[in-house]
Amino acid sequence: MFRLLFRALAMVSLAIAVIMAVIDATRSIAASALVFTPLGESWYSVSPETLNLSQAVVQRYTLAVLWDPVALFILTLPGWLVFTALSLLFYTIGRPRRRAIYLA
């Protein structure tokens, strides 16, 4: 059951990564230079309220020091890179186990 959930999350993350990569590729072609849109900028353009809410939740209910070095570093990475890494992580968790072959 959980494997199916993680594999579905992997597919959704991969789809978001591909969409964000296509957007960056389109912007790069238009600018004639490499353009990588940070995750924070993409998130802010889609839903600034949830970005502010996530900052408040992280700072209030976890270690406040996690926001500045960790979360801000992740938010400055390209969005397609973050979602590709999430997709690989979810797929690794949800992949089927290999059966051991015992030789007698």
PDB file of N, CA and C in Angstrom:
ATOM      1  N   MET A   1       0.818  -1.193   0.000  1.00  0.00           N
ATOM      2  CA  MET A   1       0.000   0.000   0.000  1.00  0.00           C
ATOM      3  C   MET A   1       0.861   1.255   0.000  1.00  0.00           C
ATOM      4  N   PHE A   2       1.865   1.284   0.908  1.00  0.00           N
ATOM      5  CA  PHE A   2       2.717   2.457   0.976  1.00  0.00           C
ATOM      6  C   PHE A   2       3.639   2.560  -0.238  1.00  0.00           C
ATOM      7  N   ARG A   3       4.028   1.415  -0.776  1.00  0.00           N
ATOM      8  CA  ARG A   3       4.860   1.447  -1.981  1.00  0.00           C
ATOM      9  C   ARG A   3       4.115   2.111  -3.133  1.00  0.00           C
ATOM     10  N   LEU A   4       2.852   1.797  -3.263  1.00  0.00           N
ATOM     11  CA  LEU A   4       2.041   2.406  -4.314  1.00  0.00           C
ATOM     12  C   LEU A   4       1.942   3.913  -4.119  1.00  0.00           C
ATOM     13  N   LEU A   5       1.771   4.346  -2.875  1.00  0.00           N
ATOM     14  CA  LEU A   5       1.703   5.775  -2.565  1.00  0.00           C
ATOM     15  C   LEU A   5       3.007   6.470  -2.934  1.00  0.00           C
ATOM     16  N   PHE A   6       4.139   5.881  -2.557  1.00  0.00           N
ATOM     17  CA  PHE A   6       5.421   6.506  -2.870  1.00  0.00           C
ATOM     18  C   PHE A   6       5.710   6.494  -4.369  1.00  0.00           C
ATOM     19  N   ARG A   7       5.290   5.461  -5.059  1.00  0.00           N
ATOM     20  CA  ARG A   7       5.488   5.440  -6.509  1.00  0.00           C
ATOM     21  C   ARG A   7       4.606   6.476  -7.195  1.00  0.00           C
ATOM     22  N   ALA A   8       3.404   6.697  -6.679  1.00  0.00           N
ATOM     23  CA  ALA A   8       2.529   7.747  -7.221  1.00  0.00           C
ATOM     24  C   ALA A   8       3.131   9.131  -6.947  1.00  0.00           C
ATOM     25  N   LEU A   9       3.665   9.329  -5.746  1.00  0.00           N
ATOM     26  CA  LEU A   9       4.341  10.599  -5.439  1.00  0.00           C
ATOM     27  C   LEU A   9       5.555  10.808  -6.330  1.00  0.00           C
ATOM     28  N   ALA A  10       6.260   9.722  -6.645  1.00  0.00           N
ATOM     29  CA  ALA A  10       7.407   9.821  -7.546  1.00  0.00           C
ATOM     30  C   ALA A  10       6.976  10.262  -8.938  1.00  0.00           C
ATOM     31  N   MET A  11       5.870   9.726  -9.417  1.00  0.00           N
ATOM     32  CA  MET A  11       5.386  10.107 -10.747  1.00  0.00           C
ATOM     33  C   MET A  11       4.925  11.560 -10.780  1.00  0.00           C
ATOM     34  N   VAL A  12       4.233  12.003  -9.742  1.00  0.00           N
ATOM     35  CA  VAL A  12       3.782  13.401  -9.683  1.00  0.00           C
ATOM     36  C   VAL A  12       4.987  14.335  -9.608  1.00  0.00           C
ATOM     37  N   SER A  13       5.970  13.983  -8.783  1.00  0.00           N
ATOM     38  CA  SER A  13       7.178  14.809  -8.670  1.00  0.00           C
ATOM     39  C   SER A  13       7.927  14.869  -9.995  1.00  0.00           C
ATOM     40  N   LEU A  14       8.004  13.746 -10.680  1.00  0.00           N
ATOM     41  CA  LEU A  14       8.678  13.726 -11.971  1.00  0.00           C
ATOM     42  C   LEU A  14       7.931  14.571 -12.999  1.00  0.00           C
ATOM     43  N   ALA A  15       6.610  14.526 -12.976  1.00  0.00           N
ATOM     44  CA  ALA A  15       5.817  15.343 -13.902  1.00  0.00           C
ATOM     45  C   ALA A  15       6.045  16.832 -13.629  1.00  0.00           C
ATOM     46  N   ILE A  16       6.074  17.225 -12.364  1.00  0.00           N
ATOM     47  CA  ILE A  16       6.336  18.628 -12.021  1.00  0.00           C
ATOM     48  C   ILE A  16       7.743  19.020 -12.445  1.00  0.00           C
ATOM     49  N   ALA A  17       8.712  18.116 -12.266  1.00  0.00           N
ATOM     50  CA  ALA A  17      10.091  18.404 -12.667  1.00  0.00           C
ATOM     51  C   ALA A  17      10.187  18.623 -14.177  1.00  0.00           C
ATOM     52  N   VAL A  18       9.499  17.802 -14.945  1.00  0.00           N
ATOM     53  CA  VAL A  18       9.522  17.962 -16.405  1.00  0.00           C
ATOM     54  C   VAL A  18       8.873  19.273 -16.818  1.00  0.00           C
ATOM     55  N   ILE A  19       7.763  19.630 -16.191  1.00  0.00           N
ATOM     56  CA  ILE A  19       7.097  20.894 -16.513  1.00  0.00           C
ATOM     57  C   ILE A  19       8.013  22.069 -16.205  1.00  0.00           C
ATOM     58  N   MET A  20       8.666  22.025 -15.040  1.00  0.00           N
ATOM     59  CA  MET A  20       9.561  23.126 -14.666  1.00  0.00           C
ATOM     60  C   MET A  20      10.791  23.179 -15.573  1.00  0.00           C
ATOM     61  N   ALA A  21      11.280  22.029 -16.006  1.00  0.00           N
ATOM     62  CA  ALA A  21      12.422  22.008 -16.919  1.00  0.00           C
ATOM     63  C   ALA A  21      12.042  22.573 -18.285  1.00  0.00           C
ATOM     64  N   VAL A  22      10.848  22.272 -18.761  1.00  0.00           N
ATOM     65  CA  VAL A  22      10.384  22.817 -20.044  1.00  0.00           C
ATOM     66  C   VAL A  22      10.232  24.335 -19.947  1.00  0.00           C
ATOM     67  N   ILE A  23       9.713  24.824 -18.831  1.00  0.00           N
ATOM     68  CA  ILE A  23       9.587  26.270 -18.646  1.00  0.00           C
ATOM     69  C   ILE A  23      10.964  26.929 -18.646  1.00  0.00           C
ATOM     70  N   ASP A  24      11.924  26.335 -17.932  1.00  0.00           N
ATOM     71  CA  ASP A  24      13.281  26.893 -17.924  1.00  0.00           C
ATOM     72  C   ASP A  24      13.928  26.816 -19.304  1.00  0.00           C
ATOM     73  N   ALA A  25      13.682  25.724 -20.033  1.00  0.00           N
ATOM     74  CA  ALA A  25      14.245  25.607 -21.385  1.00  0.00           C
ATOM     75  C   ALA A  25      13.655  26.661 -22.310  1.00  0.00           C
ATOM     76  N   THR A  26      12.361  26.910 -22.183  1.00  0.00           N
ATOM     77  CA  THR A  26      11.714  27.930 -23.005  1.00  0.00           C
ATOM     78  C   THR A  26      12.276  29.314 -22.701  1.00  0.00           C
ATOM     79  N   ARG A  27      12.451  29.596 -21.414  1.00  0.00           N
ATOM     80  CA  ARG A  27      13.034  30.889 -21.027  1.00  0.00           C
ATOM     81  C   ARG A  27      14.486  31.002 -21.481  1.00  0.00           C
ATOM     82  N   SER A  28      15.213  29.903 -21.452  1.00  0.00           N
ATOM     83  CA  SER A  28      16.608  29.919 -21.901  1.00  0.00           C
ATOM     84  C   SER A  28      16.705  30.186 -23.396  1.00  0.00           C
ATOM     85  N   ILE A  29      15.814  29.588 -24.168  1.00  0.00           N
ATOM     86  CA  ILE A  29      15.805  29.824 -25.610  1.00  0.00           C
ATOM     87  C   ILE A  29      15.440  31.270 -25.902  1.00  0.00           C
ATOM     88  N   ALA A  30      14.473  31.800 -25.176  1.00  0.00           N
ATOM     89  CA  ALA A  30      14.048  33.183 -25.408  1.00  0.00           C
ATOM     90  C   ALA A  30      15.142  34.178 -25.019  1.00  0.00           C
ATOM     91  N   ALA A  31      15.915  33.864 -23.984  1.00  0.00           N
ATOM     92  CA  ALA A  31      16.950  34.783 -23.519  1.00  0.00           C
ATOM     93  C   ALA A  31      18.306  34.524 -24.170  1.00  0.00           C
ATOM     94  N   SER A  32      18.434  33.446 -24.923  1.00  0.00           N
ATOM     95  CA  SER A  32      19.695  33.029 -25.532  1.00  0.00           C
ATOM     96  C   SER A  32      20.795  32.852 -24.493  1.00  0.00           C
ATOM     97  N   ALA A  33      20.397  32.419 -23.309  1.00  0.00           N
ATOM     98  CA  ALA A  33      21.327  32.124 -22.218  1.00  0.00           C
ATOM     99  C   ALA A  33      20.637  31.135 -21.285  1.00  0.00           C
ATOM    100  N   LEU A  34      21.447  30.443 -20.491  1.00  0.00           N
ATOM    101  CA  LEU A  34      20.856  29.501 -19.555  1.00  0.00           C
ATOM    102  C   LEU A  34      20.100  30.245 -18.462  1.00  0.00           C
ATOM    103  N   VAL A  35      18.863  29.851 -18.265  1.00  0.00           N
ATOM    104  CA  VAL A  35      18.019  30.454 -17.236  1.00  0.00           C
ATOM    105  C   VAL A  35      17.503  29.337 -16.347  1.00  0.00           C
ATOM    106  N   PHE A  36      17.814  29.430 -15.054  1.00  0.00           N
ATOM    107  CA  PHE A  36      17.308  28.478 -14.078  1.00  0.00           C
ATOM    108  C   PHE A  36      16.440  29.239 -13.086  1.00  0.00           C
ATOM    109  N   THR A  37      15.173  28.911 -13.024  1.00  0.00           N
ATOM    110  CA  THR A  37      14.255  29.577 -12.119  1.00  0.00           C
ATOM    111  C   THR A  37      14.334  28.903 -10.748  1.00  0.00           C
ATOM    112  N   PRO A  38      14.661  29.660  -9.708  1.00  0.00           N
ATOM    113  CA  PRO A  38      14.717  29.055  -8.369  1.00  0.00           C
ATOM    114  C   PRO A  38      13.349  28.565  -7.921  1.00  0.00           C
ATOM    115  N   LEU A  39      13.360  27.545  -7.085  1.00  0.00           N
ATOM    116  CA  LEU A  39      12.118  26.975  -6.577  1.00  0.00           C
ATOM    117  C   LEU A  39      11.308  28.013  -5.808  1.00  0.00           C
ATOM    118  N   GLY A  40      11.971  28.839  -5.024  1.00  0.00           N
ATOM    119  CA  GLY A  40      11.276  29.858  -4.244  1.00  0.00           C
ATOM    120  C   GLY A  40      10.545  30.855  -5.120  1.00  0.00           C
ATOM    121  N   GLU A  41      11.159  31.230  -6.228  1.00  0.00           N
ATOM    122  CA  GLU A  41      10.513  32.165  -7.147  1.00  0.00           C
ATOM    123  C   GLU A  41       9.292  31.533  -7.811  1.00  0.00           C
ATOM    124  N   SER A  42       9.417  30.281  -8.209  1.00  0.00           N
ATOM    125  CA  SER A  42       8.276  29.583  -8.817  1.00  0.00           C
ATOM    126  C   SER A  42       7.150  29.409  -7.807  1.00  0.00           C
ATOM    127  N   TRP A  43       7.503  29.034  -6.586  1.00  0.00           N
ATOM    128  CA  TRP A  43       6.497  28.834  -5.548  1.00  0.00           C
ATOM    129  C   TRP A  43       5.799  30.146  -5.221  1.00  0.00           C
ATOM    130  N   TYR A  44       6.570  31.237  -5.144  1.00  0.00           N
ATOM    131  CA  TYR A  44       5.984  32.534  -4.831  1.00  0.00           C
ATOM    132  C   TYR A  44       5.040  33.001  -5.941  1.00  0.00           C
ATOM    133  N   SER A  45       5.377  32.708  -7.188  1.00  0.00           N
ATOM    134  CA  SER A  45       4.507  33.133  -8.289  1.00  0.00           C
ATOM    135  C   SER A  45       3.206  32.333  -8.330  1.00  0.00           C
ATOM    136  N   VAL A  46       3.242  31.096  -7.844  1.00  0.00           N
ATOM    137  CA  VAL A  46       2.036  30.264  -7.846  1.00  0.00           C
ATOM    138  C   VAL A  46       1.174  30.528  -6.618  1.00  0.00           C
ATOM    139  N   SER A  47       1.794  30.567  -5.438  1.00  0.00           N
ATOM    140  CA  SER A  47       1.019  30.706  -4.200  1.00  0.00           C
ATOM    141  C   SER A  47       1.874  31.336  -3.100  1.00  0.00           C
ATOM    142  N   PRO A  48       1.920  32.667  -3.035  1.00  0.00           N
ATOM    143  CA  PRO A  48       2.751  33.310  -2.008  1.00  0.00           C
ATOM    144  C   PRO A  48       2.253  33.058  -0.585  1.00  0.00           C
ATOM    145  N   GLU A  49       0.953  32.818  -0.421  1.00  0.00           N
ATOM    146  CA  GLU A  49       0.422  32.582   0.921  1.00  0.00           C
ATOM    147  C   GLU A  49       0.977  31.293   1.522  1.00  0.00           C
ATOM    148  N   THR A  50       1.066  30.238   0.718  1.00  0.00           N
ATOM    149  CA  THR A  50       1.565  28.973   1.253  1.00  0.00           C
ATOM    150  C   THR A  50       3.061  29.026   1.525  1.00  0.00           C
ATOM    151  N   LEU A  51       3.793  29.828   0.760  1.00  0.00           N
ATOM    152  CA  LEU A  51       5.220  29.995   1.031  1.00  0.00           C
ATOM    153  C   LEU A  51       5.419  30.682   2.377  1.00  0.00           C
ATOM    154  N   ASN A  52       4.663  31.727   2.634  1.00  0.00           N
ATOM    155  CA  ASN A  52       4.757  32.414   3.921  1.00  0.00           C
ATOM    156  C   ASN A  52       4.274  31.520   5.058  1.00  0.00           C
ATOM    157  N   LEU A  53       3.234  30.741   4.810  1.00  0.00           N
ATOM    158  CA  LEU A  53       2.734  29.829   5.829  1.00  0.00           C
ATOM    159  C   LEU A  53       3.763  28.748   6.160  1.00  0.00           C
ATOM    160  N   SER A  54       4.429  28.227   5.142  1.00  0.00           N
ATOM    161  CA  SER A  54       5.436  27.196   5.393  1.00  0.00           C
ATOM    162  C   SER A  54       6.612  27.754   6.189  1.00  0.00           C
ATOM    163  N   GLN A  55       6.979  28.998   5.920  1.00  0.00           N
ATOM    164  CA  GLN A  55       8.039  29.624   6.704  1.00  0.00           C
ATOM    165  C   GLN A  55       7.622  29.748   8.166  1.00  0.00           C
ATOM    166  N   ALA A  56       6.400  30.184   8.401  1.00  0.00           N
ATOM    167  CA  ALA A  56       5.920  30.330   9.772  1.00  0.00           C
ATOM    168  C   ALA A  56       5.851  28.986  10.485  1.00  0.00           C
ATOM    169  N   VAL A  57       5.393  27.954   9.796  1.00  0.00           N
ATOM    170  CA  VAL A  57       5.287  26.630  10.409  1.00  0.00           C
ATOM    171  C   VAL A  57       6.663  26.078  10.741  1.00  0.00           C
ATOM    172  N   VAL A  58       7.607  26.208   9.814  1.00  0.00           N
ATOM    173  CA  VAL A  58       8.954  25.687  10.065  1.00  0.00           C
ATOM    174  C   VAL A  58       9.604  26.434  11.219  1.00  0.00           C
ATOM    175  N   GLN A  59       9.468  27.732  11.241  1.00  0.00           N
ATOM    176  CA  GLN A  59      10.115  28.498  12.301  1.00  0.00           C
ATOM    177  C   GLN A  59       9.424  28.319  13.649  1.00  0.00           C
ATOM    178  N   ARG A  60       8.132  28.075  13.665  1.00  0.00           N
ATOM    179  CA  ARG A  60       7.416  27.965  14.936  1.00  0.00           C
ATOM    180  C   ARG A  60       7.446  26.557  15.511  1.00  0.00           C
ATOM    181  N   TYR A  61       7.242  25.539  14.678  1.00  0.00           N
ATOM    182  CA  TYR A  61       7.066  24.186  15.193  1.00  0.00           C
ATOM    183  C   TYR A  61       8.291  23.291  15.063  1.00  0.00           C
ATOM    184  N   THR A  62       9.313  23.740  14.384  1.00  0.00           N
ATOM    185  CA  THR A  62      10.565  22.984  14.330  1.00  0.00           C
ATOM    186  C   THR A  62      11.666  23.915  14.817  1.00  0.00           C
ATOM    187  N   LEU A  63      12.872  23.528  14.582  1.00  0.00           N
ATOM    188  CA  LEU A  63      13.978  24.409  14.951  1.00  0.00           C
ATOM    189  C   LEU A  63      13.966  25.617  14.028  1.00  0.00           C
ATOM    190  N   ALA A  64      13.956  26.791  14.598  1.00  0.00           N
ATOM    191  CA  ALA A  64      13.903  28.015  13.793  1.00  0.00           C
ATOM    192  C   ALA A  64      15.144  28.166  12.930  1.00  0.00           C
ATOM    193  N   VAL A  65      16.239  27.578  13.371  1.00  0.00           N
ATOM    194  CA  VAL A  65      17.479  27.691  12.617  1.00  0.00           C
ATOM    195  C   VAL A  65      17.434  26.868  11.324  1.00  0.00           C
ATOM    196  N   LEU A  66      16.449  25.969  11.190  1.00  0.00           N
ATOM    197  CA  LEU A  66      16.332  25.178   9.956  1.00  0.00           C
ATOM    198  C   LEU A  66      15.929  26.027   8.759  1.00  0.00           C
ATOM    199  N   TRP A  67      15.210  27.112   8.986  1.00  0.00           N
ATOM    200  CA  TRP A  67      14.720  27.891   7.857  1.00  0.00           C
ATOM    201  C   TRP A  67      15.852  28.574   7.120  1.00  0.00           C
ATOM    202  N   ASP A  68      16.713  29.279   7.854  1.00  0.00           N
ATOM    203  CA  ASP A  68      17.731  30.086   7.176  1.00  0.00           C
ATOM    204  C   ASP A  68      18.740  29.257   6.390  1.00  0.00           C
ATOM    205  N   PRO A  69      19.469  28.329   6.982  1.00  0.00           N
ATOM    206  CA  PRO A  69      20.457  27.654   6.129  1.00  0.00           C
ATOM    207  C   PRO A  69      19.865  26.566   5.240  1.00  0.00           C
ATOM    208  N   VAL A  70      18.907  25.810   5.742  1.00  0.00           N
ATOM    209  CA  VAL A  70      18.441  24.635   5.003  1.00  0.00           C
ATOM    210  C   VAL A  70      17.361  24.991   3.986  1.00  0.00           C
ATOM    211  N   ALA A  71      16.273  25.564   4.459  1.00  0.00           N
ATOM    212  CA  ALA A  71      15.144  25.837   3.571  1.00  0.00           C
ATOM    213  C   ALA A  71      15.493  26.890   2.519  1.00  0.00           C
ATOM    214  N   LEU A  72      16.219  27.913   2.913  1.00  0.00           N
ATOM    215  CA  LEU A  72      16.581  28.939   1.934  1.00  0.00           C
ATOM    216  C   LEU A  72      17.534  28.391   0.878  1.00  0.00           C
ATOM    217  N   PHE A  73      18.411  27.457   1.275  1.00  0.00           N
ATOM    218  CA  PHE A  73      19.286  26.829   0.284  1.00  0.00           C
ATOM    219  C   PHE A  73      18.468  26.028  -0.722  1.00  0.00           C
ATOM    220  N   ILE A  74      17.481  25.270  -0.236  1.00  0.00           N
ATOM    221  CA  ILE A  74      16.639  24.474  -1.126  1.00  0.00           C
ATOM    222  C   ILE A  74      15.804  25.379  -2.030  1.00  0.00           C
ATOM    223  N   LEU A  75      15.316  26.497  -1.482  1.00  0.00           N
ATOM    224  CA  LEU A  75      14.492  27.409  -2.284  1.00  0.00           C
ATOM    225  C   LEU A  75      15.297  28.152  -3.346  1.00  0.00           C
ATOM    226  N   THR A  76      16.620  28.205  -3.209  1.00  0.00           N
ATOM    227  CA  THR A  76      17.436  28.860  -4.237  1.00  0.00           C
ATOM    228  C   THR A  76      17.876  27.898  -5.343  1.00  0.00           C
ATOM    229  N   LEU A  77      17.669  26.610  -5.148  1.00  0.00           N
ATOM    230  CA  LEU A  77      17.999  25.632  -6.193  1.00  0.00           C
ATOM    231  C   LEU A  77      16.960  25.697  -7.308  1.00  0.00           C
ATOM    232  N   PRO A  78      17.329  25.289  -8.524  1.00  0.00           N
ATOM    233  CA  PRO A  78      16.335  25.235  -9.602  1.00  0.00           C
ATOM    234  C   PRO A  78      15.205  24.263  -9.249  1.00  0.00           C
ATOM    235  N   GLY A  79      13.987  24.644  -9.567  1.00  0.00           N
ATOM    236  CA  GLY A  79      12.826  23.840  -9.208  1.00  0.00           C
ATOM    237  C   GLY A  79      12.850  22.452  -9.808  1.00  0.00           C
ATOM    238  N   TRP A  80      13.299  22.338 -11.061  1.00  0.00           N
ATOM    239  CA  TRP A  80      13.322  21.019 -11.700  1.00  0.00           C
ATOM    240  C   TRP A  80      14.310  20.091 -10.993  1.00  0.00           C
ATOM    241  N   LEU A  81      15.396  20.644 -10.453  1.00  0.00           N
ATOM    242  CA  LEU A  81      16.375  19.826  -9.748  1.00  0.00           C
ATOM    243  C   LEU A  81      15.807  19.292  -8.436  1.00  0.00           C
ATOM    244  N   VAL A  82      15.099  20.141  -7.709  1.00  0.00           N
ATOM    245  CA  VAL A  82      14.511  19.727  -6.433  1.00  0.00           C
ATOM    246  C   VAL A  82      13.463  18.644  -6.655  1.00  0.00           C
ATOM    247  N   PHE A  83      12.598  18.830  -7.646  1.00  0.00           N
ATOM    248  CA  PHE A  83      11.550  17.839  -7.882  1.00  0.00           C
ATOM    249  C   PHE A  83      12.093  16.556  -8.500  1.00  0.00           C
ATOM    250  N   THR A  84      13.192  16.629  -9.242  1.00  0.00           N
ATOM    251  CA  THR A  84      13.831  15.406  -9.737  1.00  0.00           C
ATOM    252  C   THR A  84      14.413  14.615  -8.577  1.00  0.00           C
ATOM    253  N   ALA A  85      15.053  15.309  -7.641  1.00  0.00           N
ATOM    254  CA  ALA A  85      15.600  14.631  -6.465  1.00  0.00           C
ATOM    255  C   ALA A  85      14.486  14.022  -5.620  1.00  0.00           C
ATOM    256  N   LEU A  86      13.381  14.744  -5.454  1.00  0.00           N
ATOM    257  CA  LEU A  86      12.241  14.190  -4.715  1.00  0.00           C
ATOM    258  C   LEU A  86      11.679  12.957  -5.421  1.00  0.00           C
ATOM    259  N   SER A  87      11.609  13.018  -6.732  1.00  0.00           N
ATOM    260  CA  SER A  87      11.101  11.889  -7.495  1.00  0.00           C
ATOM    261  C   SER A  87      11.989  10.658  -7.312  1.00  0.00           C
ATOM    262  N   LEU A  88      13.289  10.852  -7.366  1.00  0.00           N
ATOM    263  CA  LEU A  88      14.209   9.728  -7.158  1.00  0.00           C
ATOM    264  C   LEU A  88      14.101   9.179  -5.742  1.00  0.00           C
ATOM    265  N   LEU A  89      13.956  10.059  -4.767  1.00  0.00           N
ATOM    266  CA  LEU A  89      13.809   9.619  -3.380  1.00  0.00           C
ATOM    267  C   LEU A  89      12.525   8.814  -3.199  1.00  0.00           C
ATOM    268  N   PHE A  90      11.411   9.324  -3.707  1.00  0.00           N
ATOM    269  CA  PHE A  90      10.139   8.610  -3.583  1.00  0.00           C
ATOM    270  C   PHE A  90      10.166   7.283  -4.331  1.00  0.00           C
ATOM    271  N   TYR A  91      10.795   7.269  -5.500  1.00  0.00           N
ATOM    272  CA  TYR A  91      10.862   6.014  -6.249  1.00  0.00           C
ATOM    273  C   TYR A  91      11.718   4.985  -5.516  1.00  0.00           C
ATOM    274  N   THR A  92      12.820   5.439  -4.930  1.00  0.00           N
ATOM    275  CA  THR A  92      13.690   4.529  -4.192  1.00  0.00           C
ATOM    276  C   THR A  92      12.963   3.932  -2.992  1.00  0.00           C
ATOM    277  N   ILE A  93      12.184   4.738  -2.307  1.00  0.00           N
ATOM    278  CA  ILE A  93      11.423   4.230  -1.170  1.00  0.00           C
ATOM    279  C   ILE A  93      10.336   3.259  -1.636  1.00  0.00           C
ATOM    280  N   GLY A  94       9.699   3.544  -2.748  1.00  0.00           N
ATOM    281  CA  GLY A  94       8.571   2.749  -3.200  1.00  0.00           C
ATOM    282  C   GLY A  94       8.886   1.638  -4.171  1.00  0.00           C
ATOM    283  N   ARG A  95      10.131   1.445  -4.494  1.00  0.00           N
ATOM    284  CA  ARG A  95      10.440   0.406  -5.476  1.00  0.00           C
ATOM    285  C   ARG A  95      10.204  -0.981  -4.897  1.00  0.00           C
ATOM    286  N   PRO A  96       9.870  -1.926  -5.757  1.00  0.00           N
ATOM    287  CA  PRO A  96       9.640  -3.291  -5.274  1.00  0.00           C
ATOM    288  C   PRO A  96      10.949  -3.921  -4.795  1.00  0.00           C
ATOM    289  N   ARG A  97      10.832  -4.697  -3.757  1.00  0.00           N
ATOM    290  CA  ARG A  97      12.029  -5.363  -3.227  1.00  0.00           C
ATOM    291  C   ARG A  97      12.426  -6.511  -4.147  1.00  0.00           C
ATOM    292  N   ARG A  98      13.708  -6.726  -4.207  1.00  0.00           N
ATOM    293  CA  ARG A  98      14.197  -7.863  -4.989  1.00  0.00           C
ATOM    294  C   ARG A  98      14.123  -9.112  -4.124  1.00  0.00           C
ATOM    295  N   ARG A  99      13.725 -10.170  -4.736  1.00  0.00           N
ATOM    296  CA  ARG A  99      13.656 -11.427  -3.997  1.00  0.00           C
ATOM    297  C   ARG A  99      15.017 -12.081  -4.018  1.00  0.00           C
ATOM    298  N   ALA A 100      15.391 -12.567  -2.879  1.00  0.00           N
ATOM    299  CA  ALA A 100      16.687 -13.254  -2.770  1.00  0.00           C
ATOM    300  C   ALA A 100      16.612 -14.619  -3.425  1.00  0.00           C
ATOM    301  N   ILE A 101      17.639 -14.938  -4.148  1.00  0.00           N
ATOM    302  CA  ILE A 101      17.723 -16.243  -4.792  1.00  0.00           C
ATOM    303  C   ILE A 101      18.691 -17.083  -3.970  1.00  0.00           C
ATOM    304  N   TYR A 102      18.168 -18.136  -3.435  1.00  0.00           N
ATOM    305  CA  TYR A 102      18.993 -19.036  -2.606  1.00  0.00           C
ATOM    306  C   TYR A 102      19.398 -20.242  -3.433  1.00  0.00           C
ATOM    307  N   LEU A 103      20.669 -20.476  -3.473  1.00  0.00           N
ATOM    308  CA  LEU A 103      21.175 -21.635  -4.204  1.00  0.00           C
ATOM    309  C   LEU A 103      21.395 -22.769  -3.206  1.00  0.00           C
ATOM    310  N   ALA A 104      20.886 -23.906  -3.532  1.00  0.00           N
ATOM    311  CA  ALA A 104      21.023 -25.035  -2.608  1.00  0.00           C
ATOM    312  C   ALA A 104      22.187 -25.913  -2.982  1.00  0.00           C
TER     313      ALA A 104
END
